[in-house]
Amino acid sequence: MLMPTKILVPTDFSGYSDKALQQALDIAIEYKAKVYVLHVVYERIRRALTDDYSDITITPRVFQKYEKAMVKTAKSKLKKQIGKFPQSKEVEVVSEVASGVPAEEILRVQEEEGIDLIVIASLGRTGVARYLIGGVARNVLKGAKCPVLLTK
């Protein structure tokens, strides 16, 4: 029987991610597990903004400022998202913002932290972001070395 001690919840701050976090917190309370909440700033954005062939090329200095602002905003959003759930005070919650390809970063954290359960939304935000997170969930499911709980 699965008795998780470390649960990873990737988030894009959507309502779907809220549901995944809610489920992860409920499981964590039941098993006294630690919850890791992860947001990934998608690397493709970085490449698009700094690519010499892009119509919106920016200097590395300007991009560093932009990236720093994105990370700061993401950290603030993580804090707010976790704060929505009173249960988050009943278990240990660790939040992290990473930069890279979402599925790869999720799997990296799973490996590095010894995660034994990933709770991830099967859908994300609307439009293009929804399509991307669907692909993220699929790639995490394929590559994970632990059980993955897909939420709707």
C-alpha atoms as a PDB file:
ATOM      1  CA  MET A   1       0.000   0.000   0.000  1.00  0.00           C
ATOM      2  CA  LEU A   2       1.270   3.466  -0.869  1.00  0.00           C
ATOM      3  CA  MET A   3       2.113   5.578   2.176  1.00  0.00           C
ATOM      4  CA  PRO A   4       3.756   8.707   0.807  1.00  0.00           C
ATOM      5  CA  THR A   5       6.200  10.743   2.857  1.00  0.00           C
ATOM      6  CA  LYS A   6       7.070  13.344   0.186  1.00  0.00           C
ATOM      7  CA  ILE A   7       4.459  14.645  -2.245  1.00  0.00           C
ATOM      8  CA  LEU A   8       5.240  16.899  -5.221  1.00  0.00           C
ATOM      9  CA  VAL A   9       2.575  19.212  -6.632  1.00  0.00           C
ATOM     10  CA  PRO A  10       3.520  21.088  -9.814  1.00  0.00           C
ATOM     11  CA  THR A  11       1.417  24.220 -10.295  1.00  0.00           C
ATOM     12  CA  ASP A  12       0.571  26.720 -13.012  1.00  0.00           C
ATOM     13  CA  PHE A  13      -1.664  28.641 -10.550  1.00  0.00           C
ATOM     14  CA  SER A  14      -4.850  27.541 -12.327  1.00  0.00           C
ATOM     15  CA  GLY A  15      -7.992  26.257 -10.632  1.00  0.00           C
ATOM     16  CA  TYR A  16      -6.961  22.783 -11.761  1.00  0.00           C
ATOM     17  CA  SER A  17      -3.680  23.167  -9.873  1.00  0.00           C
ATOM     18  CA  ASP A  18      -5.643  24.295  -6.816  1.00  0.00           C
ATOM     19  CA  LYS A  19      -7.572  21.021  -6.930  1.00  0.00           C
ATOM     20  CA  ALA A  20      -4.327  19.047  -7.188  1.00  0.00           C
ATOM     21  CA  LEU A  21      -2.881  20.949  -4.220  1.00  0.00           C
ATOM     22  CA  GLN A  22      -6.058  20.347  -2.215  1.00  0.00           C
ATOM     23  CA  GLN A  23      -5.811  16.608  -2.846  1.00  0.00           C
ATOM     24  CA  ALA A  24      -2.096  16.541  -2.055  1.00  0.00           C
ATOM     25  CA  LEU A  25      -2.667  18.355   1.243  1.00  0.00           C
ATOM     26  CA  ASP A  26      -5.455  15.946   2.198  1.00  0.00           C
ATOM     27  CA  ILE A  27      -3.158  12.991   1.483  1.00  0.00           C
ATOM     28  CA  ALA A  28      -0.269  14.668   3.325  1.00  0.00           C
ATOM     29  CA  ILE A  29      -2.388  15.184   6.431  1.00  0.00           C
ATOM     30  CA  GLU A  30      -3.496  11.548   6.345  1.00  0.00           C
ATOM     31  CA  TYR A  31       0.082  10.229   6.080  1.00  0.00           C
ATOM     32  CA  LYS A  32       1.953  13.105   7.765  1.00  0.00           C
ATOM     33  CA  ALA A  33       3.851  13.693   4.527  1.00  0.00           C
ATOM     34  CA  LYS A  34       5.854  16.720   3.400  1.00  0.00           C
ATOM     35  CA  VAL A  35       4.450  18.650   0.398  1.00  0.00           C
ATOM     36  CA  TYR A  36       6.636  20.244  -2.264  1.00  0.00           C
ATOM     37  CA  VAL A  37       4.867  22.826  -4.448  1.00  0.00           C
ATOM     38  CA  LEU A  38       6.731  23.618  -7.658  1.00  0.00           C
ATOM     39  CA  HIS A  39       6.215  26.221 -10.367  1.00  0.00           C
ATOM     40  CA  VAL A  40       8.392  26.143 -13.474  1.00  0.00           C
ATOM     41  CA  VAL A  41       9.082  29.268 -15.516  1.00  0.00           C
ATOM     42  CA  TYR A  42       9.025  27.726 -18.970  1.00  0.00           C
ATOM     43  CA  GLU A  43      12.432  27.795 -20.691  1.00  0.00           C
ATOM     44  CA  ARG A  44      10.847  28.290 -24.125  1.00  0.00           C
ATOM     45  CA  ILE A  45       9.895  31.828 -23.070  1.00  0.00           C
ATOM     46  CA  ARG A  46      13.552  32.550 -22.326  1.00  0.00           C
ATOM     47  CA  ARG A  47      14.688  31.203 -25.683  1.00  0.00           C
ATOM     48  CA  ALA A  48      12.014  33.149 -27.579  1.00  0.00           C
ATOM     49  CA  LEU A  49      12.976  36.410 -25.914  1.00  0.00           C
ATOM     50  CA  THR A  50      16.717  36.008 -26.419  1.00  0.00           C
ATOM     51  CA  ASP A  51      16.831  34.290 -29.826  1.00  0.00           C
ATOM     52  CA  ASP A  52      18.619  36.418 -32.424  1.00  0.00           C
ATOM     53  CA  TYR A  53      16.035  35.361 -35.012  1.00  0.00           C
ATOM     54  CA  SER A  54      13.040  36.402 -32.941  1.00  0.00           C
ATOM     55  CA  ASP A  55      11.088  39.578 -33.701  1.00  0.00           C
ATOM     56  CA  ILE A  56      11.257  40.480 -30.015  1.00  0.00           C
ATOM     57  CA  THR A  57      14.962  39.986 -29.291  1.00  0.00           C
ATOM     58  CA  ILE A  58      16.062  41.614 -26.056  1.00  0.00           C
ATOM     59  CA  THR A  59      19.484  42.026 -24.484  1.00  0.00           C
ATOM     60  CA  PRO A  60      20.661  39.550 -21.840  1.00  0.00           C
ATOM     61  CA  ARG A  61      20.628  42.334 -19.222  1.00  0.00           C
ATOM     62  CA  VAL A  62      17.009  43.216 -19.946  1.00  0.00           C
ATOM     63  CA  PHE A  63      16.089  39.537 -19.950  1.00  0.00           C
ATOM     64  CA  GLN A  64      17.745  38.973 -16.553  1.00  0.00           C
ATOM     65  CA  LYS A  65      15.612  41.762 -15.141  1.00  0.00           C
ATOM     66  CA  TYR A  66      12.508  40.259 -16.778  1.00  0.00           C
ATOM     67  CA  GLU A  67      13.342  36.750 -15.520  1.00  0.00           C
ATOM     68  CA  LYS A  68      13.977  38.035 -11.987  1.00  0.00           C
ATOM     69  CA  ALA A  69      10.566  39.715 -12.043  1.00  0.00           C
ATOM     70  CA  MET A  70       8.912  36.492 -13.306  1.00  0.00           C
ATOM     71  CA  VAL A  71      10.505  34.467 -10.494  1.00  0.00           C
ATOM     72  CA  LYS A  72       9.527  37.066  -7.877  1.00  0.00           C
ATOM     73  CA  THR A  73       5.938  37.077  -9.147  1.00  0.00           C
ATOM     74  CA  ALA A  74       5.850  33.268  -9.174  1.00  0.00           C
ATOM     75  CA  LYS A  75       7.104  33.092  -5.571  1.00  0.00           C
ATOM     76  CA  SER A  76       4.406  35.529  -4.510  1.00  0.00           C
ATOM     77  CA  LYS A  77       1.744  33.513  -6.351  1.00  0.00           C
ATOM     78  CA  LEU A  78       2.987  30.294  -4.733  1.00  0.00           C
ATOM     79  CA  LYS A  79       2.672  31.853  -1.289  1.00  0.00           C
ATOM     80  CA  LYS A  80      -0.880  33.044  -2.076  1.00  0.00           C
ATOM     81  CA  GLN A  81      -1.893  29.696  -3.557  1.00  0.00           C
ATOM     82  CA  ILE A  82      -0.643  27.754  -0.542  1.00  0.00           C
ATOM     83  CA  GLY A  83      -2.249  30.307   1.786  1.00  0.00           C
ATOM     84  CA  LYS A  84      -5.700  29.552   0.312  1.00  0.00           C
ATOM     85  CA  PHE A  85      -5.648  26.193   2.072  1.00  0.00           C
ATOM     86  CA  PRO A  86      -5.844  26.154   5.874  1.00  0.00           C
ATOM     87  CA  GLN A  87      -4.640  22.522   5.799  1.00  0.00           C
ATOM     88  CA  SER A  88      -1.249  23.788   4.614  1.00  0.00           C
ATOM     89  CA  LYS A  89      -0.574  24.772   8.230  1.00  0.00           C
ATOM     90  CA  GLU A  90      -1.011  21.162   9.379  1.00  0.00           C
ATOM     91  CA  VAL A  91       1.883  19.764   7.303  1.00  0.00           C
ATOM     92  CA  GLU A  92       5.307  20.885   6.184  1.00  0.00           C
ATOM     93  CA  VAL A  93       5.103  22.676   2.828  1.00  0.00           C
ATOM     94  CA  VAL A  94       8.124  23.631   0.738  1.00  0.00           C
ATOM     95  CA  SER A  95       7.734  25.867  -2.307  1.00  0.00           C
ATOM     96  CA  GLU A  96      10.141  26.268  -5.205  1.00  0.00           C
ATOM     97  CA  VAL A  97      10.325  28.167  -8.479  1.00  0.00           C
ATOM     98  CA  ALA A  98      12.502  26.620 -11.178  1.00  0.00           C
ATOM     99  CA  SER A  99      13.339  27.635 -14.720  1.00  0.00           C
ATOM    100  CA  GLY A 100      13.408  25.154 -17.568  1.00  0.00           C
ATOM    101  CA  VAL A 101      11.230  22.674 -19.379  1.00  0.00           C
ATOM    102  CA  PRO A 102       8.341  21.910 -16.994  1.00  0.00           C
ATOM    103  CA  ALA A 103       8.243  18.102 -17.242  1.00  0.00           C
ATOM    104  CA  GLU A 104      12.036  17.876 -16.993  1.00  0.00           C
ATOM    105  CA  GLU A 105      12.139  20.121 -13.920  1.00  0.00           C
ATOM    106  CA  ILE A 106       9.320  18.185 -12.245  1.00  0.00           C
ATOM    107  CA  LEU A 107      11.169  14.908 -12.821  1.00  0.00           C
ATOM    108  CA  ARG A 108      14.439  16.468 -11.613  1.00  0.00           C
ATOM    109  CA  VAL A 109      12.818  17.556  -8.340  1.00  0.00           C
ATOM    110  CA  GLN A 110      11.193  14.131  -7.988  1.00  0.00           C
ATOM    111  CA  GLU A 111      14.609  12.494  -8.279  1.00  0.00           C
ATOM    112  CA  GLU A 112      16.569  14.972  -6.128  1.00  0.00           C
ATOM    113  CA  GLU A 113      14.079  15.130  -3.274  1.00  0.00           C
ATOM    114  CA  GLY A 114      13.132  11.449  -3.227  1.00  0.00           C
ATOM    115  CA  ILE A 115       9.482  12.224  -3.971  1.00  0.00           C
ATOM    116  CA  ASP A 116       7.234   9.186  -3.623  1.00  0.00           C
ATOM    117  CA  LEU A 117       4.008  10.672  -5.039  1.00  0.00           C
ATOM    118  CA  ILE A 118       3.339  13.360  -7.648  1.00  0.00           C
ATOM    119  CA  VAL A 119      -0.102  14.977  -7.689  1.00  0.00           C
ATOM    120  CA  ILE A 120      -0.580  16.908 -10.930  1.00  0.00           C
ATOM    121  CA  ALA A 121      -3.516  18.476 -12.737  1.00  0.00           C
ATOM    122  CA  SER A 122      -4.310  16.755 -16.006  1.00  0.00           C
ATOM    123  CA  LEU A 123      -5.285  20.162 -17.431  1.00  0.00           C
ATOM    124  CA  GLY A 124      -3.974  23.658 -16.943  1.00  0.00           C
ATOM    125  CA  ARG A 125      -4.986  27.163 -17.879  1.00  0.00           C
ATOM    126  CA  THR A 126      -7.026  27.838 -21.003  1.00  0.00           C
ATOM    127  CA  GLY A 127      -5.653  28.349 -24.487  1.00  0.00           C
ATOM    128  CA  VAL A 128      -2.064  27.436 -25.297  1.00  0.00           C
ATOM    129  CA  ALA A 129      -1.129  26.992 -21.630  1.00  0.00           C
ATOM    130  CA  ARG A 130      -3.801  24.324 -21.275  1.00  0.00           C
ATOM    131  CA  TYR A 131      -2.315  22.415 -24.190  1.00  0.00           C
ATOM    132  CA  LEU A 132       1.193  22.683 -22.718  1.00  0.00           C
ATOM    133  CA  ILE A 133       0.252  21.455 -19.255  1.00  0.00           C
ATOM    134  CA  GLY A 134      -1.601  18.523 -20.820  1.00  0.00           C
ATOM    135  CA  GLY A 135       1.690  17.608 -22.450  1.00  0.00           C
ATOM    136  CA  VAL A 136       3.509  18.212 -19.171  1.00  0.00           C
ATOM    137  CA  ALA A 137       1.217  15.838 -17.275  1.00  0.00           C
ATOM    138  CA  ARG A 138       1.624  13.209 -19.990  1.00  0.00           C
ATOM    139  CA  ASN A 139       5.438  13.514 -19.966  1.00  0.00           C
ATOM    140  CA  VAL A 140       5.582  13.407 -16.165  1.00  0.00           C
ATOM    141  CA  LEU A 141       3.402  10.306 -16.169  1.00  0.00           C
ATOM    142  CA  LYS A 142       5.759   8.647 -18.684  1.00  0.00           C
ATOM    143  CA  GLY A 143       8.989   9.596 -16.922  1.00  0.00           C
ATOM    144  CA  ALA A 144       8.153   9.461 -13.213  1.00  0.00           C
ATOM    145  CA  LYS A 145       9.783   6.847 -11.025  1.00  0.00           C
ATOM    146  CA  CYS A 146       6.981   7.075  -8.476  1.00  0.00           C
ATOM    147  CA  PRO A 147       3.183   6.939  -8.608  1.00  0.00           C
ATOM    148  CA  VAL A 148       1.470   9.908 -10.265  1.00  0.00           C
ATOM    149  CA  LEU A 149      -2.024  11.014  -9.309  1.00  0.00           C
ATOM    150  CA  LEU A 150      -3.707  12.945 -12.166  1.00  0.00           C
ATOM    151  CA  THR A 151      -6.477  15.265 -11.004  1.00  0.00           C
ATOM    152  CA  LYS A 152      -9.255  16.932 -12.950  1.00  0.00           C
END
